């Protein structure tokens, strides 16, 4: 079973600002809202932050277990208001079928692998709008959809918010804790799509698209229209 959640956050609160500025901290807060034992073998937890207006901040989460956001609401939400809802996602996913057209929004980490003389290739971010759009176009089929064009024949996809998040990440090694600086380039894609393979699209909606899924990337939402 898969669950879809939407939670309103209060952008004026100090803890909210801390979470928004650190994808690692937000990841920890989201994972802490799920029952113990909800590991990767049960499915991936995806999340995305959407800022529609200065005081309108929403957190979307797709997860294999039903979350409890009570603690997060107390720290960074609106504790006196009913500000989150969770629904079973499977019913919606079963409705997705070939030929349907949807409006979509996706926050992703558009990157490319560059060859090096020895060893594994280096991963570099796409930084221009054109390259970021091409990144999406080149992967759309593998995720089960085709990007639609406008009446004028141009792509319907717009890149609305491009930014780079930088934060410190701690990891345990045999020599103790190691702290490293992480930089993730994120882009918000909005546009219209047509379903060409319903199974692939359903899988992508649940498991995410692209890299940096733990840090707020990879979650696509669909809407009629």
Protein backbone atom coordinates (compact mmCIF):
# COMPACT_ATOMS: atom_id res chain seq x y z
CA UNK A 1 0.00 0.00 0.00
CA UNK A 2 1.13 3.54 -0.76
CA UNK A 3 0.06 6.79 0.92
CA UNK A 4 -0.01 10.36 -0.35
CA UNK A 5 0.22 13.18 2.21
CA UNK A 6 0.04 16.97 2.07
CA UNK A 7 1.12 19.09 5.01
CA UNK A 8 1.02 22.87 5.37
CA UNK A 9 4.07 24.37 7.09
CA UNK A 10 4.36 27.78 8.75
CA UNK A 11 7.20 29.59 6.96
CA UNK A 12 7.46 32.22 9.70
CA UNK A 13 8.62 29.75 12.35
CA UNK A 14 12.33 29.33 13.12
CA UNK A 15 12.23 25.53 12.90
CA UNK A 16 10.54 25.72 9.51
CA UNK A 17 13.27 27.98 8.19
CA UNK A 18 15.90 25.56 9.50
CA UNK A 19 14.25 22.60 7.80
CA UNK A 20 13.75 24.42 4.51
CA UNK A 21 17.41 25.46 4.43
CA UNK A 22 18.69 21.91 5.01
CA UNK A 23 17.44 19.03 2.82
CA UNK A 24 19.15 16.61 5.20
CA UNK A 25 17.25 17.99 8.20
CA UNK A 26 13.95 17.87 6.28
CA UNK A 27 14.69 14.30 5.19
CA UNK A 28 15.25 13.34 8.83
CA UNK A 29 12.00 15.06 9.88
CA UNK A 30 10.00 13.28 7.17
CA UNK A 31 11.51 9.88 7.98
CA UNK A 32 10.91 10.49 11.69
CA UNK A 33 7.19 10.85 10.92
CA UNK A 34 6.98 7.23 9.76
CA UNK A 35 6.83 4.09 11.90
CA UNK A 36 10.07 2.38 12.85
CA UNK A 37 10.88 -0.44 10.48
CA UNK A 38 9.68 1.36 7.36
CA UNK A 39 12.92 0.67 5.55
CA UNK A 40 13.89 0.84 1.88
CA UNK A 41 12.74 -2.76 1.34
CA UNK A 42 9.13 -1.62 1.89
CA UNK A 43 9.37 1.19 -0.63
CA UNK A 44 10.86 4.64 -0.90
CA UNK A 45 9.70 7.72 0.96
CA UNK A 46 9.57 10.71 -1.40
CA UNK A 47 9.01 14.32 -0.40
CA UNK A 48 8.79 17.74 -2.02
CA UNK A 49 8.40 21.30 -0.82
CA UNK A 50 6.18 23.67 -2.82
CA UNK A 51 6.09 27.40 -2.13
CA UNK A 52 3.07 28.89 -3.85
CA UNK A 53 3.31 32.26 -2.10
CA UNK A 54 5.47 33.83 0.65
CA UNK A 55 3.20 32.42 3.38
CA UNK A 56 2.01 29.28 1.57
CA UNK A 57 4.46 26.40 2.04
CA UNK A 58 3.35 22.82 1.47
CA UNK A 59 5.13 19.52 2.00
CA UNK A 60 4.08 16.58 -0.19
CA UNK A 61 5.05 13.04 0.80
CA UNK A 62 4.60 9.66 -0.91
CA UNK A 63 5.33 6.73 1.40
CA UNK A 64 4.76 2.98 1.86
CA UNK A 65 3.38 3.47 5.39
CA UNK A 66 0.90 5.91 6.90
CA UNK A 67 2.81 8.81 8.50
CA UNK A 68 2.09 10.70 11.70
CA UNK A 69 3.11 14.34 11.31
CA UNK A 70 2.11 15.41 14.81
CA UNK A 71 5.69 16.18 15.86
CA UNK A 72 6.50 18.02 12.64
CA UNK A 73 3.33 20.12 12.95
CA UNK A 74 4.22 21.06 16.52
CA UNK A 75 7.71 22.16 15.43
CA UNK A 76 7.11 23.73 12.03
CA UNK A 77 3.41 23.74 11.22
CA UNK A 78 0.16 25.26 12.48
CA UNK A 79 -0.56 23.25 15.65
CA UNK A 80 -4.03 24.71 16.28
CA UNK A 81 -5.26 24.04 12.73
CA UNK A 82 -5.91 20.77 10.91
CA UNK A 83 -3.07 21.21 8.42
CA UNK A 84 -2.31 17.77 7.00
CA UNK A 85 -4.19 15.04 5.23
CA UNK A 86 -3.15 11.54 4.18
CA UNK A 87 -4.97 9.36 1.66
CA UNK A 88 -4.35 5.95 0.15
CA UNK A 89 -2.59 6.56 -3.16
CA UNK A 90 -3.28 3.21 -4.78
CA UNK A 91 -6.79 4.10 -5.87
CA UNK A 92 -5.53 7.12 -7.79
CA UNK A 93 -2.66 5.13 -9.30
CA UNK A 94 -5.07 2.50 -10.64
CA UNK A 95 -6.90 5.24 -12.54
CA UNK A 96 -3.80 6.20 -14.52
CA UNK A 97 -4.13 4.80 -18.05
CA UNK A 98 -2.62 5.19 -21.49
CA UNK A 99 -3.76 8.24 -23.42
CA UNK A 100 -4.70 10.36 -20.41
CA UNK A 101 -3.40 13.91 -20.27
CA UNK A 102 -2.38 15.53 -17.01
CA UNK A 103 -0.82 18.68 -15.68
CA UNK A 104 2.29 17.81 -13.72
CA UNK A 105 4.81 19.27 -11.32
CA UNK A 106 8.19 17.71 -10.60
CA UNK A 107 11.13 18.85 -8.51
CA UNK A 108 14.19 17.03 -9.80
CA UNK A 109 17.97 16.94 -9.75
CA UNK A 110 18.95 17.18 -13.45
CA UNK A 111 22.51 15.91 -13.80
CA UNK A 112 24.82 14.30 -16.35
CA UNK A 113 27.71 11.88 -16.06
CA UNK A 114 31.01 13.06 -17.51
CA UNK A 115 33.81 10.72 -18.48
CA UNK A 116 37.10 10.74 -16.61
CA UNK A 117 40.42 9.17 -17.47
CA UNK A 118 40.22 6.54 -14.75
CA UNK A 119 37.48 5.17 -12.51
CA UNK A 120 33.85 6.17 -12.43
CA UNK A 121 32.51 9.17 -14.29
CA UNK A 122 31.84 12.38 -12.43
CA UNK A 123 28.24 13.61 -11.97
CA UNK A 124 27.72 17.24 -12.95
CA UNK A 125 24.54 19.32 -12.73
CA UNK A 126 22.75 20.80 -15.70
CA UNK A 127 22.57 24.53 -14.98
CA UNK A 128 20.81 26.10 -17.99
CA UNK A 129 17.07 25.96 -18.59
CA UNK A 130 17.58 24.40 -22.04
CA UNK A 131 19.78 21.60 -20.70
CA UNK A 132 17.46 20.96 -17.78
CA UNK A 133 14.47 20.70 -20.11
CA UNK A 134 16.39 18.35 -22.41
CA UNK A 135 17.24 16.22 -19.40
CA UNK A 136 13.52 15.77 -18.73
CA UNK A 137 12.63 15.16 -22.39
CA UNK A 138 15.30 12.46 -22.75
CA UNK A 139 13.97 10.50 -19.77
CA UNK A 140 10.23 10.95 -20.16
CA UNK A 141 9.68 7.75 -22.15
CA UNK A 142 11.47 5.61 -19.56
CA UNK A 143 9.09 7.06 -16.97
CA UNK A 144 6.02 6.28 -19.07
CA UNK A 145 4.95 9.65 -20.44
CA UNK A 146 5.39 12.08 -23.31
CA UNK A 147 5.65 15.82 -22.82
CA UNK A 148 2.85 17.66 -24.64
CA UNK A 149 3.28 20.75 -26.77
CA UNK A 150 1.31 23.98 -26.71
CA UNK A 151 -1.09 25.08 -29.46
CA UNK A 152 1.82 27.03 -30.94
CA UNK A 153 3.94 23.86 -31.16
CA UNK A 154 6.41 24.64 -28.39
CA UNK A 155 7.02 22.50 -25.32
CA UNK A 156 4.52 22.87 -22.49
CA UNK A 157 7.29 22.46 -19.89
CA UNK A 158 8.50 25.47 -17.92
CA UNK A 159 11.32 25.51 -15.38
CA UNK A 160 10.10 27.83 -12.63
CA UNK A 161 12.52 27.58 -9.74
CA UNK A 162 16.16 26.69 -10.17
CA UNK A 163 18.40 26.73 -7.15
CA UNK A 164 21.33 24.96 -5.53
CA UNK A 165 21.05 23.66 -1.98
CA UNK A 166 24.29 23.32 -0.03
CA UNK A 167 24.48 21.58 3.32
CA UNK A 168 26.72 19.40 5.46
CA UNK A 169 26.14 15.66 5.63
CA UNK A 170 27.54 13.40 8.33
CA UNK A 171 28.47 9.77 7.70
CA UNK A 172 29.98 7.03 9.81
CA UNK A 173 33.26 5.45 8.70
CA UNK A 174 35.64 3.00 10.33
CA UNK A 175 37.59 6.04 11.48
CA UNK A 176 34.60 7.74 13.05
CA UNK A 177 32.16 10.39 11.91
CA UNK A 178 32.97 12.25 8.71
CA UNK A 179 31.33 15.50 7.65
CA UNK A 180 31.22 16.52 4.03
CA UNK A 181 29.64 19.38 2.12
CA UNK A 182 26.91 18.41 -0.33
CA UNK A 183 25.62 20.54 -3.20
CA UNK A 184 22.39 19.63 -5.02
CA UNK A 185 20.98 21.53 -7.97
CA UNK A 186 17.20 21.38 -8.07
CA UNK A 187 14.73 22.49 -10.71
CA UNK A 188 10.92 22.66 -10.64
CA UNK A 189 9.31 21.47 -13.86
CA UNK A 190 5.67 22.25 -14.62
CA UNK A 191 3.83 21.30 -17.79
CA UNK A 192 1.46 18.82 -19.40
CA UNK A 193 2.02 15.17 -20.24
CA UNK A 194 0.32 12.24 -21.92
CA UNK A 195 0.54 8.74 -20.46
CA UNK A 196 2.24 6.32 -22.88
CA UNK A 197 2.95 3.45 -20.45
CA UNK A 198 0.78 3.39 -17.34
CA UNK A 199 2.85 0.79 -15.47
CA UNK A 200 6.09 2.72 -15.93
CA UNK A 201 4.48 5.98 -14.89
CA UNK A 202 2.90 4.42 -11.80
CA UNK A 203 6.29 3.00 -10.82
CA UNK A 204 7.95 6.40 -11.29
CA UNK A 205 5.26 8.18 -9.24
CA UNK A 206 5.92 5.84 -6.32
CA UNK A 207 9.69 5.31 -6.60
CA UNK A 208 10.73 8.74 -7.85
CA UNK A 209 12.50 10.20 -10.86
CA UNK A 210 16.22 10.92 -11.08
CA UNK A 211 18.75 11.36 -8.30
CA UNK A 212 18.76 12.97 -4.82
CA UNK A 213 15.40 11.47 -3.85
CA UNK A 214 16.29 11.63 -0.16
CA UNK A 215 16.73 15.39 -0.47
CA UNK A 216 13.42 16.54 -1.89
CA UNK A 217 13.83 15.52 -5.53
CA UNK A 218 12.00 13.02 -7.72
CA UNK A 219 8.37 13.41 -6.64
CA UNK A 220 5.95 14.16 -9.49
CA UNK A 221 2.32 15.12 -8.83
CA UNK A 222 -0.48 15.02 -11.39
CA UNK A 223 -3.60 17.13 -11.70
CA UNK A 224 -6.47 17.22 -14.16
CA UNK A 225 -6.53 19.92 -16.80
